[in-house]
C-alpha atoms as a PDB file:
ATOM      1  CA  MET A   1       4.069-151.427 -69.140  1.00  0.00           C
ATOM      2  CA  SER A   2       7.123-151.781 -66.928  1.00  0.00           C
ATOM      3  CA  LEU A   3       8.711-154.942 -65.564  1.00  0.00           C
ATOM      4  CA  LYS A   4       7.218-154.266 -62.150  1.00  0.00           C
ATOM      5  CA  ASP A   5       3.782-154.665 -63.796  1.00  0.00           C
ATOM      6  CA  ILE A   6       4.566-158.237 -64.953  1.00  0.00           C
ATOM      7  CA  CYS A   7       5.011-161.296 -62.732  1.00  0.00           C
ATOM      8  CA  SER A   8       8.611-162.479 -62.728  1.00  0.00           C
ATOM      9  CA  ASN A   9       7.471-166.081 -62.274  1.00  0.00           C
ATOM     10  CA  CYS A  10       4.586-166.662 -64.706  1.00  0.00           C
ATOM     11  CA  GLY A  11       4.602-163.564 -66.906  1.00  0.00           C
ATOM     12  CA  THR A  12       1.046-162.489 -66.101  1.00  0.00           C
ATOM     13  CA  SER A  13       0.580-158.742 -66.390  1.00  0.00           C
ATOM     14  CA  TYR A  14      -1.274-156.408 -64.046  1.00  0.00           C
ATOM     15  CA  LYS A  15      -3.468-155.410 -66.984  1.00  0.00           C
ATOM     16  CA  GLU A  16      -4.413-159.061 -67.589  1.00  0.00           C
ATOM     17  CA  ILE A  17      -5.268-159.580 -63.901  1.00  0.00           C
ATOM     18  CA  MET A  18      -7.507-156.521 -63.967  1.00  0.00           C
ATOM     19  CA  ARG A  19      -9.170-157.713 -67.197  1.00  0.00           C
ATOM     20  CA  THR A  20      -9.803-161.328 -66.091  1.00  0.00           C
ATOM     21  CA  GLY A  21      -9.926-161.038 -62.307  1.00  0.00           C
ATOM     22  CA  PHE A  22      -7.482-163.941 -61.960  1.00  0.00           C
ATOM     23  CA  VAL A  23      -3.840-163.927 -60.901  1.00  0.00           C
ATOM     24  CA  GLY A  24      -1.466-166.281 -62.704  1.00  0.00           C
ATOM     25  CA  CYS A  25       0.345-167.669 -59.660  1.00  0.00           C
ATOM     26  CA  GLU A  26       1.085-166.946 -56.008  1.00  0.00           C
ATOM     27  CA  GLU A  27       4.191-164.956 -56.962  1.00  0.00           C
ATOM     28  CA  CYS A  28       2.001-162.367 -58.733  1.00  0.00           C
ATOM     29  CA  TYR A  29       1.048-160.949 -55.330  1.00  0.00           C
ATOM     30  CA  ARG A  30       4.711-160.275 -54.553  1.00  0.00           C
ATOM     31  CA  SER A  31       6.015-159.393 -58.034  1.00  0.00           C
ATOM     32  CA  ILE A  32       3.451-156.998 -59.468  1.00  0.00           C
ATOM     33  CA  GLN A  33       3.869-153.659 -57.729  1.00  0.00           C
ATOM     34  CA  PRO A  34       0.397-152.158 -58.412  1.00  0.00           C
ATOM     35  CA  LEU A  35      -1.204-155.420 -57.258  1.00  0.00           C
ATOM     36  CA  THR A  36       0.747-155.490 -53.999  1.00  0.00           C
ATOM     37  CA  GLU A  37      -0.283-151.899 -53.342  1.00  0.00           C
ATOM     38  CA  ASN A  38      -3.974-152.460 -54.115  1.00  0.00           C
ATOM     39  CA  VAL A  39      -4.662-156.129 -53.372  1.00  0.00           C
ATOM     40  CA  ARG A  40      -6.902-155.472 -50.389  1.00  0.00           C
ATOM     41  CA  GLU A  41      -8.881-152.895 -52.351  1.00  0.00           C
ATOM     42  CA  LEU A  42      -9.200-155.125 -55.436  1.00  0.00           C
ATOM     43  CA  PHE A  43     -10.299-158.317 -53.727  1.00  0.00           C
ATOM     44  CA  ASP A  44     -11.928-157.042 -50.550  1.00  0.00           C
ATOM     45  CA  GLY A  45     -14.809-159.242 -49.511  1.00  0.00           C
ATOM     46  CA  LYS A  46     -14.230-161.814 -52.244  1.00  0.00           C
ATOM     47  CA  MET A  47     -13.557-165.340 -51.109  1.00  0.00           C
ATOM     48  CA  HIS A  48     -12.276-168.317 -53.061  1.00  0.00           C
ATOM     49  CA  SER A  49     -15.180-170.593 -53.893  1.00  0.00           C
ATOM     50  CA  GLY A  50     -13.390-173.233 -55.937  1.00  0.00           C
ATOM     51  CA  ARG A  51     -12.928-176.900 -55.241  1.00  0.00           C
ATOM     52  CA  SER A  52     -11.435-178.242 -52.068  1.00  0.00           C
ATOM     53  CA  PRO A  53      -9.665-181.567 -51.502  1.00  0.00           C
ATOM     54  CA  LYS A  54     -11.833-184.586 -50.690  1.00  0.00           C
END
């Protein structure tokens, strides 16, 4: 695994994102090269369904 496969901010790896389906932080989208190349493909059609502020 190269440094471009690990987030420079939180240390989450591309492999971990693929295993869990969760990114570690917003910087992951910019830092992890394979994720930036494939983000649309990986998460196409999926929407955040978590909590929202009251």
